N, C-alpha and C. Protein backbone atom coordinates (compact mmCIF):
# COMPACT_ATOMS: atom_id res chain seq x y z
N MET A 1 -0.89 -20.23 40.93
CA MET A 1 -0.85 -21.19 41.12
C MET A 1 -0.30 -22.70 40.51
N ASN A 2 1.11 -22.97 40.85
CA ASN A 2 2.17 -24.09 40.14
C ASN A 2 1.28 -25.21 40.61
N GLN A 3 1.80 -26.30 39.13
CA GLN A 3 1.21 -28.00 39.61
C GLN A 3 0.91 -28.29 40.50
N LEU A 4 1.88 -28.45 41.57
CA LEU A 4 2.02 -29.24 42.86
C LEU A 4 1.11 -28.20 43.94
N GLU A 5 0.76 -26.85 44.09
CA GLU A 5 -0.35 -26.44 44.76
C GLU A 5 -1.45 -27.00 43.93
N LYS A 6 -1.46 -26.80 42.62
CA LYS A 6 -3.22 -26.89 42.55
C LYS A 6 -3.32 -28.64 42.61
N ALA A 7 -2.03 -29.56 43.16
CA ALA A 7 -2.47 -30.73 42.80
C ALA A 7 -3.02 -30.78 44.61
N VAL A 8 -1.91 -30.25 45.36
CA VAL A 8 -2.45 -30.45 46.63
C VAL A 8 -3.90 -29.65 46.75
N ALA A 9 -4.20 -28.24 46.53
CA ALA A 9 -5.42 -28.30 47.29
C ALA A 9 -6.60 -28.81 46.41
N ASP A 10 -6.31 -30.13 45.47
CA ASP A 10 -7.61 -30.83 45.34
C ASP A 10 -7.40 -31.56 45.66
N LEU A 11 -6.69 -32.45 46.03
CA LEU A 11 -6.15 -33.13 47.04
C LEU A 11 -6.98 -33.43 48.57
N ARG A 12 -7.01 -31.56 48.75
CA ARG A 12 -7.15 -31.19 50.02
C ARG A 12 -8.84 -31.41 50.15
N HIS A 13 -9.29 -30.58 48.63
CA HIS A 13 -10.47 -31.19 48.26
C HIS A 13 -11.22 -31.98 48.57
N ALA A 14 -11.07 -33.11 48.04
CA ALA A 14 -11.21 -34.40 48.43
C ALA A 14 -11.07 -34.87 49.14
N TYR A 15 -9.99 -34.12 49.89
CA TYR A 15 -10.13 -35.01 51.54
C TYR A 15 -11.73 -34.76 53.08
N HIS A 16 -11.80 -33.77 52.16
CA HIS A 16 -12.93 -33.16 52.99
C HIS A 16 -14.45 -33.01 53.13
N GLN A 17 -14.50 -33.66 50.87
CA GLN A 17 -15.61 -33.96 50.32
C GLN A 17 -16.39 -35.72 51.01
N LEU A 18 -14.85 -35.98 51.19
CA LEU A 18 -15.24 -38.21 51.15
C LEU A 18 -15.07 -37.40 52.96
N THR A 19 -14.64 -37.15 53.91
CA THR A 19 -14.94 -36.72 55.35
C THR A 19 -16.12 -36.46 55.77
N GLU A 20 -16.77 -35.62 54.74
CA GLU A 20 -18.13 -35.04 55.12
C GLU A 20 -19.12 -35.83 54.36
N GLY A 21 -18.41 -36.95 53.57
CA GLY A 21 -19.58 -37.81 53.84
C GLY A 21 -20.35 -37.64 52.15
N VAL A 22 -20.11 -36.38 51.42
CA VAL A 22 -20.60 -36.20 50.54
C VAL A 22 -20.47 -36.63 49.23
N VAL A 23 -19.49 -37.88 48.49
CA VAL A 23 -19.42 -38.17 47.74
C VAL A 23 -20.24 -39.35 48.00
N LYS A 24 -21.01 -39.75 46.46
CA LYS A 24 -21.32 -40.34 46.37
C LYS A 24 -21.26 -41.74 46.07
N ASP A 25 -20.23 -41.58 44.60
CA ASP A 25 -19.78 -42.59 43.80
C ASP A 25 -17.88 -42.28 44.33
N GLN A 26 -17.59 -42.97 44.59
CA GLN A 26 -15.97 -42.61 45.48
C GLN A 26 -15.35 -42.89 44.08
N ALA A 27 -15.33 -43.91 43.40
CA ALA A 27 -14.69 -44.56 42.32
C ALA A 27 -14.65 -43.22 41.01
N LYS A 28 -15.52 -42.22 40.63
CA LYS A 28 -15.95 -41.91 39.61
C LYS A 28 -15.11 -40.42 40.64
N PHE A 29 -16.09 -40.39 41.82
CA PHE A 29 -14.67 -39.30 42.31
C PHE A 29 -12.78 -39.56 42.33
N ALA A 30 -12.77 -40.27 42.30
CA ALA A 30 -11.55 -40.86 42.57
C ALA A 30 -10.43 -40.77 41.27
N ASP A 31 -11.10 -40.44 40.40
CA ASP A 31 -10.51 -41.11 39.27
C ASP A 31 -10.64 -39.81 38.64
N GLY A 32 -12.15 -38.97 38.74
CA GLY A 32 -12.17 -37.52 37.96
C GLY A 32 -11.78 -36.44 38.88
N LEU A 33 -10.93 -36.66 39.79
CA LEU A 33 -10.18 -35.22 41.36
C LEU A 33 -9.02 -35.93 41.69
N ILE A 34 -8.84 -37.03 42.00
CA ILE A 34 -7.80 -37.38 43.42
C ILE A 34 -6.88 -38.30 42.14
N ALA A 35 -7.30 -38.80 41.37
CA ALA A 35 -5.66 -39.94 39.81
C ALA A 35 -5.47 -38.37 39.50
N PRO A 36 -5.97 -37.51 38.70
CA PRO A 36 -5.48 -36.64 37.90
C PRO A 36 -3.97 -35.33 39.40
N ALA A 37 -4.44 -34.97 40.26
CA ALA A 37 -3.71 -34.86 41.42
C ALA A 37 -2.86 -35.02 41.73
N ILE A 38 -2.65 -36.97 41.39
CA ILE A 38 -0.95 -37.82 42.39
C ILE A 38 -0.45 -37.34 40.82
N TYR A 39 -1.29 -37.55 39.54
CA TYR A 39 -0.60 -37.25 38.55
C TYR A 39 0.76 -36.36 38.57
N ARG A 40 -0.62 -34.51 38.76
CA ARG A 40 0.92 -33.63 38.71
C ARG A 40 1.48 -34.05 40.07
N ILE A 41 1.45 -34.12 40.63
CA ILE A 41 2.02 -34.37 42.08
C ILE A 41 3.38 -35.41 41.62
N GLU A 42 3.47 -36.36 40.82
CA GLU A 42 4.78 -37.21 39.59
C GLU A 42 5.18 -36.37 39.24
N GLN A 43 4.46 -36.07 38.18
CA GLN A 43 4.80 -34.89 37.55
C GLN A 43 6.12 -33.63 37.84
N ALA A 44 5.64 -33.07 38.83
CA ALA A 44 6.39 -32.60 39.55
C ALA A 44 7.78 -32.65 40.31
N LEU A 45 7.45 -34.18 40.54
CA LEU A 45 8.49 -35.04 41.78
C LEU A 45 9.50 -35.33 40.14
N GLU A 46 8.90 -35.69 39.75
CA GLU A 46 10.03 -36.49 38.25
C GLU A 46 10.46 -35.71 37.40
N ALA A 47 10.07 -33.67 37.44
CA ALA A 47 10.67 -32.55 37.27
C ALA A 47 12.24 -32.34 37.55
N GLN A 48 11.58 -32.11 39.11
CA GLN A 48 12.83 -31.92 40.34
C GLN A 48 14.13 -32.90 40.23
N HIS A 49 13.91 -34.38 39.79
CA HIS A 49 14.53 -35.19 39.87
C HIS A 49 15.71 -35.37 38.36
N HIS A 50 15.50 -34.33 37.86
CA HIS A 50 15.85 -34.77 36.20
C HIS A 50 16.06 -32.92 35.51
N HIS A 51 16.23 -31.85 36.46
CA HIS A 51 16.41 -30.93 36.47
C HIS A 51 17.58 -30.85 35.48
N PRO A 52 17.81 -29.96 34.12
CA PRO A 52 19.12 -29.85 33.74
C PRO A 52 20.61 -29.02 34.36
N VAL A 53 19.96 -28.58 35.40
CA VAL A 53 20.92 -27.68 36.04
C VAL A 53 22.14 -28.47 36.68
N SER A 54 21.29 -29.54 37.13
CA SER A 54 21.94 -30.68 38.28
C SER A 54 23.36 -31.24 37.00
N HIS A 55 22.84 -31.33 35.92
CA HIS A 55 23.36 -32.16 35.18
C HIS A 55 25.24 -31.62 35.14
N GLU A 56 24.26 -29.95 34.79
CA GLU A 56 25.61 -28.90 34.58
C GLU A 56 26.75 -28.77 35.45
N LEU A 57 25.94 -28.76 36.39
CA LEU A 57 27.21 -28.84 38.21
C LEU A 57 27.51 -30.54 38.16
N GLU A 58 27.26 -31.25 38.21
CA GLU A 58 27.60 -32.56 38.08
C GLU A 58 29.20 -32.13 36.90
N ARG A 59 28.85 -31.79 36.09
CA ARG A 59 30.18 -31.51 34.60
C ARG A 59 30.73 -30.74 35.29
N GLU A 60 30.26 -29.55 35.52
CA GLU A 60 31.79 -28.52 36.38
C GLU A 60 32.39 -29.21 37.50
N ILE A 61 31.31 -29.84 38.65
CA ILE A 61 32.04 -30.50 39.32
C ILE A 61 33.10 -31.25 39.21
N GLU A 62 33.26 -32.28 38.67
CA GLU A 62 34.32 -33.31 37.45
C GLU A 62 35.00 -32.63 37.06
N GLN A 63 34.48 -31.43 36.37
CA GLN A 63 36.30 -31.01 35.37
C GLN A 63 37.25 -30.29 37.24
N ALA A 64 36.62 -29.60 37.40
CA ALA A 64 37.03 -29.04 38.68
C ALA A 64 38.24 -29.83 39.34
N LEU A 65 37.47 -31.08 39.88
CA LEU A 65 38.70 -32.07 40.18
C LEU A 65 39.64 -32.38 39.61
N THR A 66 40.68 -32.59 40.51
CA THR A 66 41.70 -32.58 39.84
C THR A 66 41.85 -34.68 40.40
N PRO A 67 41.98 -35.53 39.15
CA PRO A 67 41.90 -36.67 39.11
C PRO A 67 42.69 -37.04 40.77
N GLY A 68 42.14 -38.05 41.16
CA GLY A 68 42.70 -39.07 42.41
C GLY A 68 42.79 -38.15 44.16
N GLU A 69 42.05 -36.98 43.54
CA GLU A 69 41.87 -35.83 45.11
C GLU A 69 40.88 -36.44 46.22
N PRO A 70 41.10 -36.39 46.91
CA PRO A 70 39.69 -36.25 47.20
C PRO A 70 38.57 -35.30 47.42
N VAL A 71 37.51 -35.71 47.69
CA VAL A 71 36.22 -34.90 47.07
C VAL A 71 35.92 -34.50 49.13
N ALA A 72 36.23 -35.62 49.93
CA ALA A 72 35.50 -34.62 51.27
C ALA A 72 36.47 -36.18 52.13
N TRP A 73 36.30 -35.24 53.30
CA TRP A 73 37.54 -36.47 53.97
C TRP A 73 36.34 -36.78 55.40
N MET A 74 36.52 -37.79 56.20
CA MET A 74 35.85 -38.44 56.86
C MET A 74 36.49 -38.56 58.78
N HIS A 75 36.52 -38.43 59.39
CA HIS A 75 36.96 -38.01 60.49
C HIS A 75 36.48 -39.51 61.23
N THR A 76 37.72 -39.49 62.66
CA THR A 76 37.52 -41.03 62.94
C THR A 76 35.87 -40.54 64.15
N GLY A 77 35.63 -39.08 64.70
CA GLY A 77 34.31 -39.28 65.43
C GLY A 77 33.39 -39.07 64.71
N GLY A 78 33.33 -39.40 63.39
CA GLY A 78 32.06 -39.54 62.28
C GLY A 78 32.12 -38.12 61.07
N HIS A 79 32.53 -36.86 61.50
CA HIS A 79 32.31 -36.05 60.87
C HIS A 79 32.52 -36.17 59.75
N VAL A 80 31.87 -35.45 58.56
CA VAL A 80 32.48 -35.54 57.10
C VAL A 80 32.84 -34.37 56.93
N GLN A 81 33.82 -33.84 56.07
CA GLN A 81 34.52 -32.57 55.54
C GLN A 81 34.53 -32.43 54.16
N VAL A 82 33.34 -31.40 53.06
CA VAL A 82 33.41 -31.67 52.15
C VAL A 82 33.90 -30.58 51.18
N ARG A 83 34.36 -31.06 50.57
CA ARG A 83 35.68 -30.12 50.00
C ARG A 83 35.71 -28.84 49.12
N ASN A 84 35.92 -27.82 49.27
CA ASN A 84 35.49 -27.10 48.43
C ASN A 84 36.17 -26.82 47.60
N LEU A 85 35.87 -26.43 46.39
CA LEU A 85 36.96 -25.94 45.70
C LEU A 85 37.59 -25.49 45.13
N GLN A 86 37.12 -24.17 46.34
CA GLN A 86 38.62 -23.10 45.98
C GLN A 86 39.11 -23.08 47.03
N TRP A 87 39.62 -23.97 48.19
CA TRP A 87 40.21 -24.27 49.30
C TRP A 87 41.57 -23.92 48.35
N PRO A 88 42.78 -23.14 48.86
CA PRO A 88 44.32 -23.76 48.30
C PRO A 88 44.61 -24.79 48.96
N PRO A 89 45.35 -25.20 47.84
CA PRO A 89 46.19 -26.72 48.73
C PRO A 89 46.68 -26.69 50.02
N GLU A 90 47.55 -25.44 51.05
CA GLU A 90 47.80 -25.78 52.73
C GLU A 90 46.39 -25.72 53.14
N THR A 91 45.21 -25.31 52.73
CA THR A 91 44.22 -26.20 53.47
C THR A 91 43.47 -27.72 53.64
N VAL A 92 44.05 -28.17 51.69
CA VAL A 92 43.57 -29.75 51.67
C VAL A 92 44.85 -30.15 52.57
N ALA A 93 45.44 -29.60 52.54
CA ALA A 93 46.68 -30.87 53.69
C ALA A 93 47.16 -30.75 55.09
N LEU A 94 45.55 -30.05 55.35
CA LEU A 94 45.48 -29.80 56.81
C LEU A 94 44.48 -31.55 57.27
N TYR A 95 44.18 -31.45 56.20
CA TYR A 95 43.39 -33.74 56.26
C TYR A 95 44.23 -34.78 56.22
N THR A 96 45.18 -35.03 57.29
CA THR A 96 45.67 -35.97 57.28
C THR A 96 45.06 -37.23 58.18
N ALA A 97 45.93 -38.11 57.96
CA ALA A 97 45.05 -39.45 58.59
C ALA A 97 45.78 -39.11 60.11
N GLU A 98 47.12 -38.77 60.09
CA GLU A 98 47.55 -38.20 61.59
C GLU A 98 46.26 -37.94 62.90
N LYS A 99 45.68 -36.92 61.91
CA LYS A 99 44.86 -36.06 62.60
C LYS A 99 43.23 -37.18 62.64
N GLY A 100 43.53 -38.21 62.08
CA GLY A 100 42.35 -38.68 61.94
C GLY A 100 41.44 -38.32 60.97
N TRP A 101 41.73 -38.00 59.94
CA TRP A 101 41.27 -37.97 58.07
C TRP A 101 41.11 -39.37 57.53
N THR A 102 39.76 -39.23 57.11
CA THR A 102 40.43 -40.18 56.14
C THR A 102 39.89 -39.68 54.41
N PRO A 103 40.81 -39.87 53.54
CA PRO A 103 40.55 -39.26 52.91
C PRO A 103 39.60 -39.93 51.97
N LEU A 104 38.19 -39.50 50.88
CA LEU A 104 37.05 -39.97 50.28
C LEU A 104 37.30 -39.72 48.97
N TYR A 105 36.90 -40.67 47.81
CA TYR A 105 36.83 -40.32 46.55
C TYR A 105 35.57 -40.54 45.58
N THR A 106 35.36 -40.62 44.18
CA THR A 106 35.02 -40.75 43.76
C THR A 106 34.58 -41.88 43.01
N ALA A 107 36.35 -41.98 43.16
CA ALA A 107 36.10 -43.67 42.16
C ALA A 107 37.53 -43.80 43.09
N PRO A 108 36.90 -45.79 42.53
CA PRO A 108 38.63 -46.59 43.08
C PRO A 108 39.66 -45.95 43.31
N GLN A 109 40.88 -46.18 44.67
CA GLN A 109 41.89 -45.35 43.83
C GLN A 109 42.83 -46.42 43.63
N PRO A 110 43.68 -46.35 41.95
CA PRO A 110 44.69 -47.26 42.22
C PRO A 110 45.58 -48.19 43.13
N GLN A 111 45.54 -49.12 43.33
CA GLN A 111 46.44 -50.29 44.31
C GLN A 111 47.33 -49.94 43.83
N ARG A 112 48.40 -50.23 45.63
CA ARG A 112 49.48 -49.55 45.18
C ARG A 112 50.40 -51.14 45.25
N GLU A 113 51.70 -51.42 44.70
CA GLU A 113 51.77 -52.24 45.18
C GLU A 113 52.40 -53.13 45.85
N TRP A 114 52.74 -54.37 46.43
CA TRP A 114 52.66 -54.31 47.55
C TRP A 114 54.54 -54.65 47.69
N VAL A 115 54.79 -53.57 48.91
CA VAL A 115 56.07 -53.99 49.54
C VAL A 115 56.33 -54.71 50.62
N GLY A 116 56.76 -55.60 50.98
CA GLY A 116 57.53 -56.53 52.08
C GLY A 116 58.83 -55.92 52.58
N LEU A 117 59.37 -56.29 53.74
CA LEU A 117 59.35 -55.97 54.97
C LEU A 117 61.19 -56.75 54.24
N THR A 118 61.91 -55.39 54.08
CA THR A 118 63.56 -55.86 54.05
C THR A 118 64.13 -57.09 55.09
N ASP A 119 65.15 -57.77 54.51
CA ASP A 119 66.01 -58.70 55.58
C ASP A 119 66.12 -57.50 56.87
N GLU A 120 67.10 -56.81 56.18
CA GLU A 120 66.97 -56.27 57.63
C GLU A 120 65.89 -55.92 58.73
N GLU A 121 64.38 -54.38 57.90
CA GLU A 121 63.87 -54.66 59.20
C GLU A 121 63.67 -55.50 59.84
N LEU A 122 63.15 -56.90 59.29
CA LEU A 122 62.86 -58.43 60.02
C LEU A 122 64.52 -58.48 60.86
N HIS A 123 65.68 -58.83 60.49
CA HIS A 123 66.48 -59.00 61.29
C HIS A 123 65.99 -57.84 62.96
N GLU A 124 66.16 -56.57 62.41
CA GLU A 124 65.62 -55.30 63.62
C GLU A 124 65.07 -56.00 64.92
N HIS A 125 63.37 -56.99 64.19
CA HIS A 125 62.78 -57.28 65.04
C HIS A 125 62.71 -58.76 65.79
N CYS A 126 63.18 -59.33 64.89
CA CYS A 126 63.48 -61.10 65.25
C CYS A 126 64.98 -61.27 65.80
N LEU A 127 64.42 -61.58 66.79
CA LEU A 127 65.73 -62.42 67.93
C LEU A 127 65.86 -63.59 67.52
N TYR A 128 64.65 -64.67 67.26
CA TYR A 128 65.87 -66.02 67.23
C TYR A 128 64.88 -66.45 65.38
N ASP A 129 65.57 -67.59 64.60
CA ASP A 129 65.72 -67.88 63.11
C ASP A 129 63.66 -68.63 63.48
N GLU A 130 63.54 -68.85 64.13
CA GLU A 130 61.77 -69.25 63.88
C GLU A 130 61.04 -68.01 64.41
N ASP A 131 61.40 -66.99 64.86
CA ASP A 131 60.76 -65.31 64.28
C ASP A 131 60.83 -65.33 63.16
N TYR A 132 61.93 -65.28 62.54
CA TYR A 132 62.12 -64.81 61.20
C TYR A 132 61.12 -65.39 60.93
N ARG A 133 60.95 -66.85 60.64
CA ARG A 133 60.34 -67.67 59.61
C ARG A 133 59.32 -67.73 59.96
N PHE A 134 58.43 -67.20 61.33
CA PHE A 134 57.73 -67.06 60.96
C PHE A 134 56.77 -65.60 60.56
N ALA A 135 57.28 -64.47 60.31
CA ALA A 135 57.45 -63.46 59.84
C ALA A 135 57.53 -63.28 58.61
N ARG A 136 58.08 -63.95 57.88
CA ARG A 136 57.78 -64.12 56.85
C ARG A 136 56.38 -65.34 56.01
N ALA A 137 56.72 -66.04 57.08
CA ALA A 137 54.75 -66.53 57.04
C ALA A 137 53.92 -65.72 56.70
N ILE A 138 54.29 -64.85 58.12
CA ILE A 138 52.64 -63.83 58.51
C ILE A 138 53.23 -62.92 56.75
N GLU A 139 54.28 -62.45 56.15
CA GLU A 139 54.04 -61.11 55.86
C GLU A 139 53.57 -62.36 53.93
N ALA A 140 53.98 -63.89 54.06
CA ALA A 140 53.19 -64.40 52.73
C ALA A 140 51.65 -64.08 52.57
N LYS A 141 51.44 -64.72 53.46
CA LYS A 141 49.89 -64.70 53.63
C LYS A 141 49.24 -63.35 53.72
N LEU A 142 49.82 -62.52 54.29
CA LEU A 142 49.41 -61.05 53.85
C LEU A 142 49.45 -60.31 52.60
N ARG A 143 50.32 -60.95 51.55
CA ARG A 143 50.85 -61.03 50.45
C ARG A 143 49.43 -61.71 49.56
N GLU A 144 49.46 -62.31 49.51
CA GLU A 144 48.45 -63.41 49.27
C GLU A 144 46.79 -62.70 49.72
N LYS A 145 46.43 -62.20 50.81
CA LYS A 145 45.47 -61.76 50.90
C LYS A 145 45.21 -60.33 49.97
N ASN A 146 46.21 -59.36 49.75
CA ASN A 146 46.14 -57.91 49.46
C ASN A 146 46.28 -58.52 47.99
N SER A 147 46.43 -59.68 47.25
CA SER A 147 47.13 -59.36 46.46
C SER A 147 45.83 -59.96 44.87
N SER A 148 44.65 -60.96 45.57
CA SER A 148 44.11 -61.58 45.32
C SER A 148 42.79 -60.42 45.46
N ALA A 149 42.00 -59.85 44.07
CA ALA A 149 41.00 -59.03 44.18
C ALA A 149 39.17 -60.02 43.90
């Protein structure tokens, strides 16, 4: 019987003792049986959270991932697809924005430099000078909002 099983058995015994009215000195009973059982449970849980294998696995994953590559994708429908490290590049290439997938990364990605519209691009869509000035004003505001951190 491991520490966790022993603690559960002790707590079950304590529960029955308390519900049957057998316990006369509850404080002494709690200190002698219940407190040690709780301590054993806490120790078992602590050991699970600090298992050395999990740290080794984390290091292996970090080493296997190429920096800047997504670790998972989230679909517009809510589904999340975690990346399998054995996937060939052709499989990874299937998860595109056009198909509704958003890449998820382990760290923030570097910000891209602002690229505004060219005069030619604006003139394609602006019929009047006022439209052109309005488009440039919107572009300036967007540049301001997207370049301040």
